[in-house]
Amino acid sequence: MSEKLLNIKNLHTRIEEKEILKGLDLEINKGEIHVIMGPNGAGKSTLAYTLMSHPKYEISEGEIIYEGENINALRADERAKKGIFLSFQYPEEIPGVTVDNFLRTSKATVTGEPVKMMSFRRELKEKMDLLKMDEEYARRYLNVGFSGGEKKKNEILQMAILKPKLAILDETDSGLDVDAIKVVAEGVKLLADGERAILIITHHNKILQYLEPDYVHVLVNGRIVKTGDMALARDIEVNGYEMFKESL
């Protein structure tokens, strides 16, 4: 029997006075890959930021239960230490901080344990090889001068090093060419080891051509209105969200 990792109950989220999520329900078990699709403005990124406790997004009703604990009041850093990871749609550039130093510091902060330099360097090289990233990237400033594809690969590299229990990928495939999408999909597969769960947020199914998610959910107007499998994603690719127009 699968063990429940995340249980979202009747989640309402607003920015200032505008309600974005309007009673969203979602359950994710360990080891599962879930995909959330939906038109622009449906609330997909709002869900990602709410799960990561972005201060701009206020929970007005409902619960986020993670590993049996209500985490509504936890800050982003507290959630990260519990194993929640968010890959940003638009990764920030951080001049003066190398990828190597950023990942080492992040790992030490999340685990609460010192990171041994030699073993970390070996692990970093191994993960970069798997993601087809040149070792030179580790010495560059975080995302500075990176192409869109390089930034997204770097997010997957962070995920591979930090090994979160729940990885949320917000539009990770946006703006990538086919080769980069394949690499990102391979990175996702590496993390999907039967214990960790992955939530992929997207509005098209390019990355899904290289993955086999357990569930595909359609988010429209702040609620999940349909759940299925890859057949649902293929229907959306052909017909768009017209079939859900009553929910718009």
Foldseek 3Di string as FASTA:
>chain_A
DFAWFKWWFQWWKDQPPGIQAGTATDTDTFLFEEEEAEDPSLCLVVVLCQLLADVRMATPDTFIAGPNRTCNPPHNLVVVLQFEAEDDPDDDFDPPAFLQNVLQVSQCSSPVHHDDDVVSVVQLVVLCVLLVHDPVSRGHGQPVVDDLLRNLSSSLSSCSSNLGQEYEYEQSVPPDDLVSLLSSLSSVVVSSPRGHYYYYYHHACSSVVNPWGPKYFYRGRNYTDDMDGVVVRVCCNVPNCVVVVVRD
